[in-house]
Amino acid sequence: MNTFEDRFIIRPSASTANMWITLRWPGKDGENPSALPDGRDWEDVLYGYGIAALPDDLWLEPWNHGKRVDWLWSGSGECVVSERFLQVLAEQEVPGVEYRPLTVRRKRSADIEGYYLLHLPEAGPGDAVRRYPSSARTPDMLVDRAVAERIRAERLTGILMTPTAGEREELERRRQEVGRQLRIFRHAEGAATTGEHVSQPGLRASVSGSKGLASSWDKRCIIHASDLVGDVNAMTVELGWRGKDPMRSDLLSDGQDCSQVLFERGVEALPVELWLEVITPGERTDWLWTTGCGQVVSRRFLDLLLAEAVPGIEYRSLLVRSASDTDGNAERPDVAGDSMGEEADSGGYFLLRVYGTAADAPLRLFPPDDPHAHRLDVDAALAEKMRHAGLSGVITTSACEVWDELASEAEWLDQLLRELAAE
């Protein structure tokens, strides 16, 4: 009989060194990318009726130029795996697996065959392979030790494998982080608090609605860059530097955490040779989603902050570099020149560091003490000016709404912890 220690969570790696894909069909609407031609949501169809209910004319489209691996990351509910991955499931006699071959169509290179859209039906605790979480629309799986060992033996790539004990630790860490953010909202100044303890897993304190939310947050908003999943037409980037390791993209060449250096020491402490590398080409918005550290904003965004004399910011102009698509494997650009058919913009974007923390600061990191924070906390006046300026790629949410989202996430994390405990 399987025990808790004999179970593993496997999921596709979101490393930008690997190919990312999205499901496509004729007439896919960029404004409503989940809607099939008949108006139905593709996830509703897949998870309600199975693969056979999806339209016949489907294909995959890459979002970046990463290398081909056995499990491709999509950022959504589809699970796209190689034939080798399917063979492992067949060897382990996993019941109820549905799959369909799909072509990866590229604009400037040959199509890629050998990938499959995979669907697992709902399963119960103790099954050799099941969706994780069991009630969610997700590509992630919970597998037993035999399946995990076959995956290792076959050296399948593009897979993150976490023991259930490690998954539980990560969920508990995230649960504490969510609790910390909820506590920030309970204080008017928005500063991090100390000496408070979040509830134990499964024993979450009541945070429903706006209970406990400090009234001063009624006049503040939380903003972030439009992410890749929400807007597939927007450009996404990451910081690049000489000697960067694609498998450890958060570490500088000297081993320091890039976000920590920016947070504690500022933009000038980062490498001199620093640029923005395009992960997915698309529209150049005023706030680019980045998988790295800091905020990447346009000159128009920065000019607004300067015109409003927003305190507690510093910035640095960066080149935007886009490597050409060759054989589906990413190539890091050479900083020395522009002779690679690259697109460069010497002054269009800036790395922005936000370090203001005063109670009345119009612009702060959220959470305020997190080096990896990708959101900003702005007062209502500045948020309104951003809206009037028509800045693109900026998602604005009231602090009250974010509070409710965090409360819901806390409940979801508790549910996952209970699910793992039942294994």
Protein backbone atom coordinates (compact mmCIF):
# COMPACT_ATOMS: atom_id res chain seq x y z
CA MET A 1 0.00 0.00 0.00
CA ASN A 2 1.29 3.46 -0.89
CA THR A 3 2.22 5.72 1.99
CA PHE A 4 2.52 9.48 2.07
CA GLU A 5 6.31 9.23 1.63
CA ASP A 6 5.85 7.10 -1.53
CA ARG A 7 3.98 9.79 -3.45
CA PHE A 8 5.28 12.59 -5.66
CA ILE A 9 3.86 15.68 -7.34
CA ILE A 10 5.00 16.10 -10.94
CA ARG A 11 4.36 19.19 -13.04
CA PRO A 12 5.81 20.84 -16.17
CA SER A 13 8.77 23.10 -15.60
CA ALA A 14 8.13 26.76 -16.37
CA SER A 15 11.83 27.37 -17.10
CA THR A 16 12.20 29.83 -19.95
CA ALA A 17 14.96 27.59 -21.32
CA ASN A 18 12.19 25.15 -22.35
CA MET A 19 9.55 25.58 -25.03
CA TRP A 20 6.24 27.07 -23.89
CA ILE A 21 3.09 26.36 -25.91
CA THR A 22 -0.56 27.32 -26.19
CA LEU A 23 -3.52 25.48 -27.69
CA ARG A 24 -4.79 27.02 -30.92
CA TRP A 25 -7.76 26.64 -33.29
CA PRO A 26 -9.06 28.56 -36.33
CA GLY A 27 -10.46 31.96 -35.39
CA LYS A 28 -9.14 31.96 -31.83
CA ASP A 29 -10.10 35.30 -30.30
CA GLY A 30 -7.26 37.22 -28.69
CA GLU A 31 -9.78 39.08 -26.53
CA ASN A 32 -11.37 35.83 -25.31
CA PRO A 33 -8.66 33.16 -25.78
CA SER A 34 -10.60 30.45 -23.89
CA ALA A 35 -13.65 30.53 -26.20
CA LEU A 36 -13.96 27.89 -28.93
CA PRO A 37 -15.63 28.88 -32.24
CA ASP A 38 -19.02 27.77 -30.85
CA GLY A 39 -18.55 29.98 -27.78
CA ARG A 40 -17.86 27.20 -25.27
CA ASP A 41 -14.86 27.41 -22.95
CA TRP A 42 -12.30 24.84 -24.06
CA GLU A 43 -11.52 23.83 -20.48
CA ASP A 44 -15.23 23.28 -19.79
CA VAL A 45 -15.33 20.96 -22.80
CA LEU A 46 -12.09 19.12 -21.97
CA TYR A 47 -12.79 18.57 -18.29
CA GLY A 48 -16.52 18.00 -18.74
CA TYR A 49 -16.59 15.73 -21.78
CA GLY A 50 -13.02 14.64 -22.58
CA ILE A 51 -10.62 15.13 -25.47
CA ALA A 52 -12.97 13.67 -28.08
CA ALA A 53 -15.42 16.55 -27.52
CA LEU A 54 -12.85 19.18 -28.57
CA PRO A 55 -12.85 20.45 -32.18
CA ASP A 56 -10.92 18.37 -34.71
CA ASP A 57 -8.78 21.26 -35.97
CA LEU A 58 -6.43 21.91 -33.05
CA TRP A 59 -2.74 22.58 -32.95
CA LEU A 60 -0.05 23.94 -30.66
CA GLU A 61 1.75 27.24 -31.04
CA PRO A 62 5.02 28.07 -29.24
CA TRP A 63 5.25 31.15 -27.05
CA ASN A 64 9.04 31.23 -27.01
CA HIS A 65 12.09 29.64 -28.60
CA GLY A 66 12.96 27.19 -25.83
CA LYS A 67 14.23 23.66 -26.23
CA ARG A 68 11.94 20.69 -26.76
CA VAL A 69 11.27 18.67 -23.63
CA ASP A 70 8.98 15.77 -22.70
CA TRP A 71 6.45 17.94 -20.88
CA LEU A 72 5.72 21.37 -22.32
CA TRP A 73 4.56 24.22 -20.11
CA SER A 74 1.43 26.11 -21.14
CA GLY A 75 0.52 28.10 -18.04
CA SER A 76 -3.02 26.77 -18.28
CA GLY A 77 -5.01 23.56 -17.93
CA GLU A 78 -3.77 21.69 -20.98
CA CYS A 79 -1.26 18.88 -20.50
CA VAL A 80 1.08 18.42 -23.49
CA VAL A 81 3.57 15.55 -23.34
CA SER A 82 5.87 13.57 -25.60
CA GLU A 83 5.39 10.00 -26.79
CA ARG A 84 8.01 8.87 -24.28
CA PHE A 85 5.91 10.30 -21.47
CA LEU A 86 2.83 8.47 -22.77
CA GLN A 87 4.76 5.21 -22.89
CA VAL A 88 5.60 5.49 -19.19
CA LEU A 89 1.91 5.83 -18.34
CA ALA A 90 1.08 2.87 -20.62
CA GLU A 91 3.75 0.70 -18.96
CA GLN A 92 2.28 1.49 -15.56
CA GLU A 93 -1.22 0.65 -16.88
CA VAL A 94 -2.70 3.96 -15.78
CA PRO A 95 -6.44 3.65 -16.48
CA GLY A 96 -8.64 6.12 -18.30
CA VAL A 97 -5.90 8.14 -20.02
CA GLU A 98 -7.09 10.08 -23.07
CA TYR A 99 -4.72 11.64 -25.62
CA ARG A 100 -4.60 13.18 -29.07
CA PRO A 101 -1.55 13.93 -31.25
CA LEU A 102 -1.07 17.63 -31.95
CA THR A 103 1.37 19.45 -34.22
CA VAL A 104 3.50 22.30 -32.95
CA ARG A 105 3.21 24.88 -35.74
CA ARG A 106 5.96 27.49 -35.96
CA LYS A 107 5.89 30.62 -38.12
CA ARG A 108 9.46 30.58 -39.37
CA SER A 109 10.57 26.97 -38.87
CA ALA A 110 9.38 23.46 -39.62
CA ASP A 111 6.46 21.99 -37.72
CA ILE A 112 7.18 19.67 -34.80
CA GLU A 113 5.40 16.33 -34.39
CA GLY A 114 5.44 13.85 -31.54
CA TYR A 115 3.47 15.76 -28.89
CA TYR A 116 0.11 14.81 -27.41
CA LEU A 117 -2.68 16.55 -25.57
CA LEU A 118 -3.18 14.38 -22.47
CA HIS A 119 -6.23 14.20 -20.22
CA LEU A 120 -6.56 12.29 -16.95
CA PRO A 121 -10.02 11.57 -15.54
CA GLU A 122 -10.82 12.28 -11.93
CA ALA A 123 -9.39 9.62 -9.62
CA GLY A 124 -9.47 8.79 -5.97
CA PRO A 125 -6.79 8.85 -3.24
CA GLY A 126 -4.18 6.12 -3.57
CA ASP A 127 -4.38 5.75 -7.38
CA ALA A 128 -1.01 5.35 -9.11
CA VAL A 129 -1.57 8.54 -11.13
CA ARG A 130 -4.22 11.21 -10.70
CA ARG A 131 -4.70 14.89 -11.27
CA TYR A 132 -3.36 17.17 -8.59
CA PRO A 133 -5.27 18.84 -7.09
CA SER A 134 -7.90 16.18 -7.75
CA SER A 135 -10.73 18.70 -8.15
CA ALA A 136 -8.84 21.24 -10.29
CA ARG A 137 -8.32 21.87 -13.99
CA THR A 138 -4.60 21.31 -14.01
CA PRO A 139 -1.85 19.43 -15.85
CA ASP A 140 -0.14 18.53 -12.56
CA MET A 141 -0.19 14.93 -11.35
CA LEU A 142 0.23 13.01 -8.12
CA VAL A 143 2.06 9.75 -8.84
CA ASP A 144 3.32 6.79 -6.85
CA ARG A 145 6.97 5.80 -6.46
CA ALA A 146 6.90 3.26 -9.32
CA VAL A 147 5.81 5.90 -11.83
CA ALA A 148 8.30 8.42 -10.44
CA GLU A 149 11.15 5.92 -10.76
CA ARG A 150 10.21 5.12 -14.39
CA ILE A 151 10.23 8.84 -15.19
CA ARG A 152 13.70 9.12 -13.70
CA ALA A 153 14.91 5.95 -15.45
CA GLU A 154 13.70 7.23 -18.84
CA ARG A 155 15.28 10.62 -18.10
CA LEU A 156 12.17 12.49 -19.16
CA THR A 157 12.82 16.20 -19.41
CA GLY A 158 10.85 19.35 -18.59
CA ILE A 159 9.46 17.80 -15.39
CA LEU A 160 9.59 19.11 -11.85
CA MET A 161 9.22 16.31 -9.29
CA THR A 162 8.47 17.08 -5.65
CA PRO A 163 7.94 14.54 -2.84
CA THR A 164 4.59 15.03 -1.15
CA ALA A 165 6.43 16.02 2.04
CA GLY A 166 8.20 18.79 0.12
CA GLU A 167 4.93 19.86 -1.49
CA ARG A 168 3.34 20.12 1.93
CA GLU A 169 6.22 22.26 3.17
CA GLU A 170 5.84 24.59 0.19
CA LEU A 171 2.08 24.86 0.70
CA GLU A 172 2.60 25.66 4.36
CA ARG A 173 5.19 28.30 3.39
CA ARG A 174 2.75 29.85 0.92
CA ARG A 175 -0.03 29.66 3.50
CA GLN A 176 2.12 31.64 5.90
CA GLU A 177 2.93 34.17 3.16
CA VAL A 178 -0.77 34.64 2.40
CA GLY A 179 -1.42 35.08 6.11
CA ARG A 180 1.34 37.69 6.26
CA GLN A 181 -0.21 39.65 3.41
CA LEU A 182 -3.62 39.49 5.06
CA ARG A 183 -2.05 40.92 8.20
CA ILE A 184 -0.54 43.78 6.18
CA PHE A 185 -4.04 44.71 5.05
CA ARG A 186 -5.19 44.87 8.66
CA HIS A 187 -2.84 47.80 9.33
CA ALA A 188 -3.40 51.32 8.07
CA GLU A 189 0.26 51.99 7.31
CA GLY A 190 0.60 48.85 5.19
CA ALA A 191 3.86 47.88 6.88
CA ALA A 192 4.74 44.27 7.57
CA THR A 193 3.95 43.15 11.10
CA THR A 194 5.91 40.92 13.41
CA GLY A 195 5.12 38.68 16.33
CA GLU A 196 1.87 37.38 14.81
CA HIS A 197 1.18 33.79 13.89
CA VAL A 198 -1.01 32.48 11.09
CA SER A 199 -3.34 29.59 11.70
CA GLN A 200 -2.10 26.04 11.39
CA PRO A 201 -3.01 24.16 8.18
CA GLY A 202 -6.66 23.22 8.21
CA LEU A 203 -7.41 25.64 11.06
CA ARG A 204 -7.62 28.91 9.12
CA ALA A 205 -8.86 31.94 10.99
CA SER A 206 -11.95 33.64 9.62
CA VAL A 207 -11.00 36.30 7.06
CA SER A 208 -14.09 36.25 4.85
CA GLY A 209 -15.26 39.43 3.15
CA SER A 210 -13.52 42.60 4.29
CA LYS A 211 -13.44 41.75 7.99
CA GLY A 212 -10.27 43.13 9.56
CA LEU A 213 -9.33 45.28 6.55
CA ALA A 214 -8.01 48.67 7.68
CA SER A 215 -10.15 51.53 6.36
CA SER A 216 -7.13 53.34 4.85
CA TRP A 217 -6.89 50.59 2.23
CA ASP A 218 -10.20 51.78 0.77
CA LYS A 219 -8.15 54.51 -0.94
CA ARG A 220 -5.40 52.30 -2.33
CA CYS A 221 -5.01 49.90 -5.25
CA ILE A 222 -2.71 46.98 -6.03
CA ILE A 223 -1.29 46.98 -9.57
CA HIS A 224 0.80 44.54 -11.59
CA ALA A 225 1.91 43.96 -15.16
CA SER A 226 -0.43 42.00 -17.39
CA ASP A 227 0.93 38.46 -17.28
CA LEU A 228 1.54 36.03 -20.12
CA VAL A 229 -1.44 33.81 -19.42
CA GLY A 230 -3.86 36.71 -19.22
CA ASP A 231 -2.67 38.44 -22.41
CA VAL A 232 -0.86 36.26 -24.93
CA ASN A 233 -0.41 39.27 -27.26
CA ALA A 234 1.82 41.20 -24.84
CA MET A 235 5.61 41.02 -24.87
CA THR A 236 7.24 39.33 -21.89
CA VAL A 237 10.89 39.70 -20.97
CA GLU A 238 13.53 38.70 -18.47
CA LEU A 239 16.77 40.33 -17.41
CA GLY A 240 19.86 39.08 -19.20
CA TRP A 241 23.54 39.40 -18.37
CA ARG A 242 26.81 37.90 -19.48
CA GLY A 243 27.31 34.38 -18.12
CA LYS A 244 23.69 33.89 -17.07
CA ASP A 245 22.80 30.26 -16.34
CA PRO A 246 19.41 29.45 -17.97
CA MET A 247 18.78 26.74 -15.38
CA ARG A 248 19.38 29.16 -12.47
CA SER A 249 18.01 32.32 -13.97
CA ASP A 250 17.56 34.06 -10.60
CA LEU A 251 21.27 33.98 -9.75
CA LEU A 252 23.85 36.49 -10.95
CA SER A 253 27.22 35.26 -12.16
CA ASP A 254 28.67 35.72 -8.67
CA GLY A 255 25.93 33.55 -7.14
CA GLN A 256 23.89 36.36 -5.58
CA ASP A 257 20.12 36.45 -5.93
CA CYS A 258 19.28 39.09 -8.54
CA SER A 259 16.11 40.27 -6.79
CA GLN A 260 17.85 40.52 -3.44
CA VAL A 261 20.65 42.65 -4.88
CA LEU A 262 18.15 45.00 -6.55
CA PHE A 263 15.99 45.22 -3.42
CA GLU A 264 18.81 45.87 -0.96
CA ARG A 265 21.46 47.72 -2.98
CA GLY A 266 19.73 49.25 -5.99
CA VAL A 267 19.92 49.16 -9.78
CA GLU A 268 23.56 50.20 -10.00
CA ALA A 269 24.59 47.12 -7.99
CA LEU A 270 23.45 44.88 -10.84
CA PRO A 271 25.85 43.90 -13.66
CA VAL A 272 26.96 46.70 -15.97
CA GLU A 273 26.12 44.57 -19.01
CA LEU A 274 22.41 44.15 -18.43
CA TRP A 275 19.64 43.90 -21.00
CA LEU A 276 16.03 42.76 -21.47
CA GLU A 277 15.70 39.47 -23.30
CA VAL A 278 12.39 38.81 -25.06
CA ILE A 279 10.72 35.60 -23.86
CA THR A 280 7.56 35.99 -25.93
CA PRO A 281 7.30 38.57 -28.71
CA GLY A 282 4.21 40.71 -28.82
CA GLU A 283 2.85 44.16 -28.22
CA ARG A 284 5.17 46.53 -26.36
CA THR A 285 3.04 47.58 -23.42
CA ASP A 286 3.88 50.24 -20.83
CA TRP A 287 4.56 47.62 -18.16
CA LEU A 288 6.17 44.39 -19.33
CA TRP A 289 5.68 41.13 -17.49
CA THR A 290 9.08 39.79 -16.52
CA THR A 291 10.04 36.42 -15.10
CA GLY A 292 13.02 38.07 -13.44
CA CYS A 293 13.35 40.79 -10.82
CA GLY A 294 12.15 44.36 -10.60
CA GLN A 295 9.55 46.23 -12.64
CA VAL A 296 10.13 46.88 -16.35
CA VAL A 297 8.27 49.99 -17.53
CA SER A 298 8.15 52.23 -20.59
CA ARG A 299 9.41 55.79 -20.79
CA ARG A 300 5.77 56.95 -20.70
CA PHE A 301 5.19 55.08 -17.42
CA LEU A 302 8.38 56.47 -15.93
CA ASP A 303 7.65 60.02 -17.12
CA LEU A 304 4.32 59.90 -15.28
CA LEU A 305 6.06 58.95 -12.03
CA LEU A 306 8.65 61.71 -12.51
CA ALA A 307 5.99 64.30 -13.36
CA GLU A 308 4.15 63.40 -10.14
CA ALA A 309 7.44 63.59 -8.18
CA VAL A 310 6.85 60.09 -6.81
CA PRO A 311 9.46 59.51 -4.07
CA GLY A 312 11.37 56.31 -3.38
CA ILE A 313 12.17 55.19 -6.92
CA GLU A 314 15.28 54.74 -9.05
CA TYR A 315 15.61 53.46 -12.59
CA ARG A 316 17.97 52.33 -15.31
CA SER A 317 17.54 52.31 -19.09
CA LEU A 318 17.93 48.89 -20.73
CA LEU A 319 18.18 47.48 -24.24
CA VAL A 320 15.49 45.13 -25.51
CA ARG A 321 16.99 42.17 -27.39
CA SER A 322 15.13 39.49 -29.31
CA ALA A 323 16.98 36.42 -30.59
CA SER A 324 15.79 35.00 -33.93
CA ASP A 325 14.04 31.61 -34.08
CA THR A 326 16.37 28.93 -35.39
CA ASP A 327 15.75 25.25 -34.60
CA GLY A 328 13.57 25.72 -31.55
CA ASN A 329 16.46 26.17 -29.13
CA ALA A 330 17.00 29.53 -27.46
CA GLU A 331 20.28 31.35 -27.98
CA ARG A 332 21.49 33.99 -25.54
CA PRO A 333 22.33 37.25 -27.32
CA ASP A 334 25.85 38.60 -27.40
CA VAL A 335 25.98 41.97 -25.67
CA ALA A 336 28.85 43.15 -27.83
CA GLY A 337 26.88 44.01 -30.96
CA ASP A 338 23.64 44.15 -32.89
CA SER A 339 24.67 41.97 -35.88
CA MET A 340 22.39 39.01 -35.04
CA GLY A 341 19.24 40.30 -36.67
CA GLU A 342 18.09 41.51 -33.27
CA GLU A 343 15.64 44.24 -32.48
CA ALA A 344 17.08 46.80 -30.06
CA ASP A 345 15.60 49.83 -28.35
CA SER A 346 18.25 51.86 -26.53
CA GLY A 347 15.90 53.92 -24.39
CA GLY A 348 12.37 52.54 -24.58
CA TYR A 349 12.29 50.57 -21.30
CA PHE A 350 13.57 50.98 -17.79
CA LEU A 351 14.24 48.72 -14.86
CA LEU A 352 12.38 50.37 -11.98
CA ARG A 353 13.26 49.91 -8.33
CA VAL A 354 10.63 50.97 -5.81
CA TYR A 355 11.91 51.45 -2.27
CA GLY A 356 9.52 53.96 -0.69
CA THR A 357 7.75 52.58 2.41
CA ALA A 358 6.27 55.61 4.20
CA ALA A 359 2.63 55.39 5.29
CA ASP A 360 1.63 58.13 2.84
CA ALA A 361 3.91 56.99 -0.02
CA PRO A 362 2.00 57.08 -3.32
CA LEU A 363 3.94 54.05 -4.60
CA ARG A 364 5.25 51.04 -2.66
CA LEU A 365 6.13 47.40 -3.26
CA PHE A 366 3.51 44.89 -2.25
CA PRO A 367 4.38 43.15 0.02
CA PRO A 368 6.67 46.00 1.13
CA ASP A 369 9.52 43.82 2.43
CA ASP A 370 9.60 41.18 -0.34
CA PRO A 371 12.57 41.31 -2.77
CA HIS A 372 10.60 39.21 -5.25
CA ALA A 373 7.42 41.29 -5.13
CA HIS A 374 5.98 41.84 -8.60
CA ARG A 375 3.06 44.00 -7.49
CA LEU A 376 2.89 47.64 -6.47
CA ASP A 377 0.67 49.36 -3.91
CA VAL A 378 -0.48 52.80 -5.13
CA ASP A 379 -2.76 55.44 -3.70
CA ALA A 380 -6.04 56.26 -5.41
CA ALA A 381 -4.80 59.56 -6.85
CA LEU A 382 -1.84 57.97 -8.62
CA ALA A 383 -3.94 55.02 -9.80
CA GLU A 384 -6.42 57.45 -11.34
CA LYS A 385 -3.65 59.34 -13.15
CA MET A 386 -2.37 56.04 -14.55
CA ARG A 387 -5.83 55.25 -15.86
CA HIS A 388 -6.19 58.69 -17.46
CA ALA A 389 -2.76 58.34 -19.05
CA GLY A 390 -3.96 55.18 -20.78
CA LEU A 391 -0.97 53.11 -19.69
CA SER A 392 -1.17 49.68 -21.31
CA GLY A 393 -0.31 46.36 -19.69
CA VAL A 394 -1.29 47.59 -16.22
CA ILE A 395 -3.78 45.54 -14.19
CA THR A 396 -5.37 47.57 -11.38
CA THR A 397 -7.30 45.96 -8.54
CA SER A 398 -8.72 47.62 -5.47
CA ALA A 399 -7.02 46.65 -2.22
CA CYS A 400 -10.36 45.33 -0.95
CA GLU A 401 -10.59 42.93 -3.91
CA VAL A 402 -7.04 41.72 -3.35
CA TRP A 403 -7.92 41.10 0.30
CA ASP A 404 -10.82 38.89 -0.81
CA GLU A 405 -8.59 37.04 -3.30
CA LEU A 406 -6.04 36.33 -0.58
CA ALA A 407 -8.78 35.06 1.72
CA SER A 408 -9.95 32.69 -1.03
CA GLU A 409 -6.39 31.53 -1.65
CA ALA A 410 -5.98 30.79 2.05
CA GLU A 411 -9.03 28.54 1.90
CA TRP A 412 -7.70 26.83 -1.25
CA LEU A 413 -4.31 26.18 0.34
CA ASP A 414 -5.98 24.67 3.38
CA GLN A 415 -7.95 22.39 1.08
CA LEU A 416 -4.76 21.21 -0.64
CA LEU A 417 -3.11 20.53 2.68
CA ARG A 418 -6.08 18.44 3.73
CA GLU A 419 -5.93 16.58 0.41
CA LEU A 420 -2.28 15.68 0.90
CA ALA A 421 -2.96 14.66 4.47
CA ALA A 422 -5.54 12.18 3.18
CA GLU A 423 -2.99 10.36 1.01
